[in-house]
């Protein structure tokens, strides 16, 4: 487990910035201690410094994971957020989308959000902006990318895609063998 390089840190923070903006600082300097990002086997973990000091005594080969997996780097060095980061992204999300109860299941099966399933959307959401998807009961379901801006959503066809699917909590069931 090693600290992220400057290029890796920039890549991770750019991806997180799409979803939570300047609130990245709130993830690192928390009231309950200081947290940091560490890389282990192409996966980025979010871990407290207290736990990091304790884990220093464990050999690298024996360490499976530590803290919360925020995502992983692909072979082309792009960062892909994991659904395990949702609990940390949801409270700080700048842009949110609420889906109707009938469309929740479709989203949880890995499908995009259509205009007909859109309940609400945060004002001034730009096109291709990262959004956190909620149920109408304010339960975070996953995250995606806005396919249309808030203004475009008002006048688009009901079968048009308004949010591209990135990850959802249904992945826990669909990919339980490979999710770490």
C-alpha atoms as a PDB file:
ATOM      1  CA  UNK A   1       0.000   0.000   0.000  1.00  0.00           C
ATOM      2  CA  UNK A   2       1.589   3.217  -1.166  1.00  0.00           C
ATOM      3  CA  UNK A   3       0.606   6.879  -1.458  1.00  0.00           C
ATOM      4  CA  UNK A   4      -0.728   8.042  -4.806  1.00  0.00           C
ATOM      5  CA  UNK A   5       1.673   9.740  -7.193  1.00  0.00           C
ATOM      6  CA  UNK A   6       0.927  13.309  -8.257  1.00  0.00           C
ATOM      7  CA  UNK A   7      -0.560  12.181 -11.587  1.00  0.00           C
ATOM      8  CA  UNK A   8      -2.693   9.500  -9.891  1.00  0.00           C
ATOM      9  CA  UNK A   9      -3.896  12.002  -7.283  1.00  0.00           C
ATOM     10  CA  UNK A  10      -4.854  14.476 -10.004  1.00  0.00           C
ATOM     11  CA  UNK A  11      -6.781  11.766 -11.885  1.00  0.00           C
ATOM     12  CA  UNK A  12      -8.655  10.618  -8.761  1.00  0.00           C
ATOM     13  CA  UNK A  13      -9.485  14.172  -7.655  1.00  0.00           C
ATOM     14  CA  UNK A  14     -10.688  15.147 -11.141  1.00  0.00           C
ATOM     15  CA  UNK A  15     -13.082  12.197 -11.114  1.00  0.00           C
ATOM     16  CA  UNK A  16     -14.295  12.963  -7.576  1.00  0.00           C
ATOM     17  CA  UNK A  17     -14.591  16.650  -8.498  1.00  0.00           C
ATOM     18  CA  UNK A  18     -17.174  15.778 -11.148  1.00  0.00           C
ATOM     19  CA  UNK A  19     -19.468  14.474  -8.431  1.00  0.00           C
ATOM     20  CA  UNK A  20     -18.716  16.496  -5.291  1.00  0.00           C
ATOM     21  CA  UNK A  21     -16.828  19.571  -6.534  1.00  0.00           C
ATOM     22  CA  UNK A  22     -14.780  21.401  -3.927  1.00  0.00           C
ATOM     23  CA  UNK A  23     -16.099  19.135  -1.168  1.00  0.00           C
ATOM     24  CA  UNK A  24     -13.104  16.827  -1.702  1.00  0.00           C
ATOM     25  CA  UNK A  25     -11.431  18.731   1.115  1.00  0.00           C
ATOM     26  CA  UNK A  26     -14.201  17.563   3.455  1.00  0.00           C
ATOM     27  CA  UNK A  27     -13.313  13.946   2.668  1.00  0.00           C
ATOM     28  CA  UNK A  28      -9.663  14.389   3.684  1.00  0.00           C
ATOM     29  CA  UNK A  29      -9.978  16.650   6.756  1.00  0.00           C
ATOM     30  CA  UNK A  30     -12.837  15.153   8.717  1.00  0.00           C
ATOM     31  CA  UNK A  31     -13.782  15.949  12.325  1.00  0.00           C
ATOM     32  CA  UNK A  32     -13.094  12.339  13.368  1.00  0.00           C
ATOM     33  CA  UNK A  33      -9.519  12.383  12.048  1.00  0.00           C
ATOM     34  CA  UNK A  34      -7.463  12.737   8.918  1.00  0.00           C
ATOM     35  CA  UNK A  35      -8.136  10.413   6.007  1.00  0.00           C
ATOM     36  CA  UNK A  36      -6.027   9.717   2.951  1.00  0.00           C
ATOM     37  CA  UNK A  37      -6.033   7.817  -0.320  1.00  0.00           C
ATOM     38  CA  UNK A  38      -3.709   4.856  -0.835  1.00  0.00           C
ATOM     39  CA  UNK A  39      -3.030   2.615  -3.832  1.00  0.00           C
ATOM     40  CA  UNK A  40      -2.821  -1.159  -3.550  1.00  0.00           C
ATOM     41  CA  UNK A  41      -2.929  -3.447  -6.599  1.00  0.00           C
ATOM     42  CA  UNK A  42      -4.413  -0.757  -8.904  1.00  0.00           C
ATOM     43  CA  UNK A  43      -7.220  -0.030  -6.423  1.00  0.00           C
ATOM     44  CA  UNK A  44      -7.547   3.268  -4.559  1.00  0.00           C
ATOM     45  CA  UNK A  45      -8.523   2.967  -0.893  1.00  0.00           C
ATOM     46  CA  UNK A  46      -9.854   5.671   1.417  1.00  0.00           C
ATOM     47  CA  UNK A  47      -8.433   5.013   4.868  1.00  0.00           C
ATOM     48  CA  UNK A  48      -7.919   6.830   8.163  1.00  0.00           C
ATOM     49  CA  UNK A  49      -4.356   7.561   9.183  1.00  0.00           C
ATOM     50  CA  UNK A  50      -4.893   5.689  12.463  1.00  0.00           C
ATOM     51  CA  UNK A  51      -5.781   2.505  10.602  1.00  0.00           C
ATOM     52  CA  UNK A  52      -2.932   3.091   8.169  1.00  0.00           C
ATOM     53  CA  UNK A  53      -0.386   3.124  11.002  1.00  0.00           C
ATOM     54  CA  UNK A  54      -1.762  -0.143  12.381  1.00  0.00           C
ATOM     55  CA  UNK A  55      -1.680  -1.775   8.934  1.00  0.00           C
ATOM     56  CA  UNK A  56       1.969  -0.838   8.426  1.00  0.00           C
ATOM     57  CA  UNK A  57       2.966  -4.006  10.272  1.00  0.00           C
ATOM     58  CA  UNK A  58       1.179  -6.235   7.736  1.00  0.00           C
ATOM     59  CA  UNK A  59       3.325  -7.364   4.774  1.00  0.00           C
ATOM     60  CA  UNK A  60       2.198  -6.044   1.374  1.00  0.00           C
ATOM     61  CA  UNK A  61       1.689  -9.526  -0.069  1.00  0.00           C
ATOM     62  CA  UNK A  62      -0.605 -10.509   2.814  1.00  0.00           C
ATOM     63  CA  UNK A  63      -2.748  -7.363   2.653  1.00  0.00           C
ATOM     64  CA  UNK A  64      -6.006  -7.905   0.761  1.00  0.00           C
ATOM     65  CA  UNK A  65      -7.657  -4.511   1.303  1.00  0.00           C
ATOM     66  CA  UNK A  66      -7.700  -1.661   3.792  1.00  0.00           C
ATOM     67  CA  UNK A  67     -10.378   0.944   4.357  1.00  0.00           C
ATOM     68  CA  UNK A  68     -12.970   1.614   1.663  1.00  0.00           C
ATOM     69  CA  UNK A  69     -12.262   0.949  -1.997  1.00  0.00           C
ATOM     70  CA  UNK A  70     -13.085   4.134  -3.938  1.00  0.00           C
ATOM     71  CA  UNK A  71     -12.265   2.730  -7.339  1.00  0.00           C
ATOM     72  CA  UNK A  72      -9.536   1.327  -9.500  1.00  0.00           C
ATOM     73  CA  UNK A  73      -7.160   2.334 -12.239  1.00  0.00           C
ATOM     74  CA  UNK A  74      -7.676   0.608 -15.558  1.00  0.00           C
ATOM     75  CA  UNK A  75      -4.790  -0.651 -17.646  1.00  0.00           C
ATOM     76  CA  UNK A  76      -4.899   2.615 -19.605  1.00  0.00           C
ATOM     77  CA  UNK A  77      -4.510   4.536 -16.305  1.00  0.00           C
ATOM     78  CA  UNK A  78      -8.065   5.888 -16.261  1.00  0.00           C
ATOM     79  CA  UNK A  79      -9.768   5.952 -12.879  1.00  0.00           C
ATOM     80  CA  UNK A  80     -13.115   4.190 -12.512  1.00  0.00           C
ATOM     81  CA  UNK A  81     -15.198   4.899  -9.420  1.00  0.00           C
ATOM     82  CA  UNK A  82     -16.603   1.923  -7.552  1.00  0.00           C
ATOM     83  CA  UNK A  83     -20.051   1.699  -5.984  1.00  0.00           C
ATOM     84  CA  UNK A  84     -18.387   1.318  -2.582  1.00  0.00           C
ATOM     85  CA  UNK A  85     -17.633   5.070  -2.744  1.00  0.00           C
ATOM     86  CA  UNK A  86     -21.343   5.970  -2.876  1.00  0.00           C
ATOM     87  CA  UNK A  87     -21.743   6.366   0.897  1.00  0.00           C
ATOM     88  CA  UNK A  88     -19.004   9.001   0.884  1.00  0.00           C
ATOM     89  CA  UNK A  89     -20.079  10.790  -2.308  1.00  0.00           C
ATOM     90  CA  UNK A  90     -23.817  11.043  -1.610  1.00  0.00           C
ATOM     91  CA  UNK A  91     -23.712  13.527   1.313  1.00  0.00           C
ATOM     92  CA  UNK A  92     -21.456  15.934  -0.606  1.00  0.00           C
ATOM     93  CA  UNK A  93     -23.006  15.617  -4.076  1.00  0.00           C
ATOM     94  CA  UNK A  94     -23.554  18.916  -5.876  1.00  0.00           C
ATOM     95  CA  UNK A  95     -25.928  17.566  -8.485  1.00  0.00           C
ATOM     96  CA  UNK A  96     -28.619  15.005  -7.766  1.00  0.00           C
ATOM     97  CA  UNK A  97     -31.258  13.135  -9.721  1.00  0.00           C
ATOM     98  CA  UNK A  98     -34.304  11.465  -8.178  1.00  0.00           C
ATOM     99  CA  UNK A  99     -35.942   8.588 -10.031  1.00  0.00           C
ATOM    100  CA  UNK A 100     -39.571   7.525  -9.824  1.00  0.00           C
ATOM    101  CA  UNK A 101     -40.365   4.273  -7.972  1.00  0.00           C
ATOM    102  CA  UNK A 102     -41.145   2.489 -11.238  1.00  0.00           C
ATOM    103  CA  UNK A 103     -37.702   3.283 -12.652  1.00  0.00           C
ATOM    104  CA  UNK A 104     -35.686   2.370  -9.564  1.00  0.00           C
ATOM    105  CA  UNK A 105     -35.568  -1.301 -10.463  1.00  0.00           C
ATOM    106  CA  UNK A 106     -34.542  -0.563 -14.041  1.00  0.00           C
ATOM    107  CA  UNK A 107     -31.655   1.607 -12.792  1.00  0.00           C
ATOM    108  CA  UNK A 108     -30.618  -1.039 -10.269  1.00  0.00           C
ATOM    109  CA  UNK A 109     -30.420  -3.573 -13.108  1.00  0.00           C
ATOM    110  CA  UNK A 110     -27.798  -1.378 -14.786  1.00  0.00           C
ATOM    111  CA  UNK A 111     -29.939   0.596 -17.239  1.00  0.00           C
ATOM    112  CA  UNK A 112     -29.792   4.324 -17.982  1.00  0.00           C
ATOM    113  CA  UNK A 113     -32.415   6.707 -16.540  1.00  0.00           C
ATOM    114  CA  UNK A 114     -35.042   7.773 -19.074  1.00  0.00           C
ATOM    115  CA  UNK A 115     -37.000  11.023 -19.010  1.00  0.00           C
ATOM    116  CA  UNK A 116     -40.159   9.049 -18.184  1.00  0.00           C
ATOM    117  CA  UNK A 117     -38.483   7.756 -14.988  1.00  0.00           C
ATOM    118  CA  UNK A 118     -37.085  11.112 -13.888  1.00  0.00           C
ATOM    119  CA  UNK A 119     -38.687  12.432 -10.698  1.00  0.00           C
ATOM    120  CA  UNK A 120     -36.579  15.530 -10.001  1.00  0.00           C
ATOM    121  CA  UNK A 121     -33.223  16.956 -10.990  1.00  0.00           C
ATOM    122  CA  UNK A 122     -31.058  19.586  -9.336  1.00  0.00           C
ATOM    123  CA  UNK A 123     -31.317  23.020 -10.941  1.00  0.00           C
ATOM    124  CA  UNK A 124     -28.493  24.137 -13.259  1.00  0.00           C
ATOM    125  CA  UNK A 125     -27.141  20.638 -13.838  1.00  0.00           C
ATOM    126  CA  UNK A 126     -24.905  20.825 -16.895  1.00  0.00           C
ATOM    127  CA  UNK A 127     -24.713  18.200 -19.614  1.00  0.00           C
ATOM    128  CA  UNK A 128     -22.107  15.485 -18.889  1.00  0.00           C
ATOM    129  CA  UNK A 129     -21.961  16.497 -15.220  1.00  0.00           C
ATOM    130  CA  UNK A 130     -21.552  13.739 -12.622  1.00  0.00           C
ATOM    131  CA  UNK A 131     -24.760  13.144 -10.640  1.00  0.00           C
ATOM    132  CA  UNK A 132     -25.785  10.968  -7.720  1.00  0.00           C
ATOM    133  CA  UNK A 133     -29.026   9.068  -8.345  1.00  0.00           C
ATOM    134  CA  UNK A 134     -31.545   8.894  -5.485  1.00  0.00           C
ATOM    135  CA  UNK A 135     -34.902   7.236  -5.007  1.00  0.00           C
ATOM    136  CA  UNK A 136     -37.834   9.533  -4.259  1.00  0.00           C
ATOM    137  CA  UNK A 137     -37.353   8.561  -0.583  1.00  0.00           C
ATOM    138  CA  UNK A 138     -33.825  10.130  -0.665  1.00  0.00           C
ATOM    139  CA  UNK A 139     -31.996   6.799  -0.601  1.00  0.00           C
ATOM    140  CA  UNK A 140     -28.820   6.935  -2.733  1.00  0.00           C
ATOM    141  CA  UNK A 141     -29.004   4.266  -5.445  1.00  0.00           C
ATOM    142  CA  UNK A 142     -25.885   4.981  -7.491  1.00  0.00           C
ATOM    143  CA  UNK A 143     -24.255   7.545  -9.691  1.00  0.00           C
ATOM    144  CA  UNK A 144     -24.035   8.452 -13.328  1.00  0.00           C
ATOM    145  CA  UNK A 145     -23.449  11.226 -15.834  1.00  0.00           C
ATOM    146  CA  UNK A 146     -26.155  13.659 -16.920  1.00  0.00           C
ATOM    147  CA  UNK A 147     -26.901  13.082 -20.608  1.00  0.00           C
ATOM    148  CA  UNK A 148     -28.972  16.257 -20.778  1.00  0.00           C
ATOM    149  CA  UNK A 149     -28.853  19.538 -18.906  1.00  0.00           C
ATOM    150  CA  UNK A 150     -31.714  20.551 -16.608  1.00  0.00           C
ATOM    151  CA  UNK A 151     -33.081  22.876 -19.292  1.00  0.00           C
ATOM    152  CA  UNK A 152     -32.974  20.160 -21.965  1.00  0.00           C
ATOM    153  CA  UNK A 153     -34.736  17.650 -19.691  1.00  0.00           C
ATOM    154  CA  UNK A 154     -37.854  19.805 -19.646  1.00  0.00           C
ATOM    155  CA  UNK A 155     -38.469  19.611 -23.382  1.00  0.00           C
ATOM    156  CA  UNK A 156     -37.050  16.219 -24.352  1.00  0.00           C
ATOM    157  CA  UNK A 157     -38.924  13.099 -25.507  1.00  0.00           C
ATOM    158  CA  UNK A 158     -40.112  10.786 -22.639  1.00  0.00           C
ATOM    159  CA  UNK A 159     -38.017   7.895 -23.974  1.00  0.00           C
ATOM    160  CA  UNK A 160     -34.793   9.915 -24.180  1.00  0.00           C
ATOM    161  CA  UNK A 161     -31.895   9.073 -21.867  1.00  0.00           C
ATOM    162  CA  UNK A 162     -31.284  11.781 -19.256  1.00  0.00           C
ATOM    163  CA  UNK A 163     -28.677  10.018 -17.055  1.00  0.00           C
ATOM    164  CA  UNK A 164     -26.033   7.579 -18.242  1.00  0.00           C
ATOM    165  CA  UNK A 165     -25.573   4.718 -15.770  1.00  0.00           C
ATOM    166  CA  UNK A 166     -22.120   4.473 -14.115  1.00  0.00           C
ATOM    167  CA  UNK A 167     -22.662   2.367 -10.991  1.00  0.00           C
ATOM    168  CA  UNK A 168     -25.527   1.297  -8.742  1.00  0.00           C
ATOM    169  CA  UNK A 169     -26.070  -0.635  -5.516  1.00  0.00           C
ATOM    170  CA  UNK A 170     -27.379  -3.587  -7.536  1.00  0.00           C
ATOM    171  CA  UNK A 171     -23.737  -4.321  -8.407  1.00  0.00           C
ATOM    172  CA  UNK A 172     -23.323  -5.842  -4.968  1.00  0.00           C
ATOM    173  CA  UNK A 173     -25.581  -8.685  -6.101  1.00  0.00           C
ATOM    174  CA  UNK A 174     -24.578  -8.835  -9.780  1.00  0.00           C
ATOM    175  CA  UNK A 175     -20.806  -8.795  -9.169  1.00  0.00           C
ATOM    176  CA  UNK A 176     -20.472 -10.214  -5.688  1.00  0.00           C
ATOM    177  CA  UNK A 177     -17.710 -12.610  -6.765  1.00  0.00           C
ATOM    178  CA  UNK A 178     -15.386  -9.905  -8.109  1.00  0.00           C
ATOM    179  CA  UNK A 179     -16.232  -6.906  -5.879  1.00  0.00           C
ATOM    180  CA  UNK A 180     -13.623  -6.219  -3.199  1.00  0.00           C
END
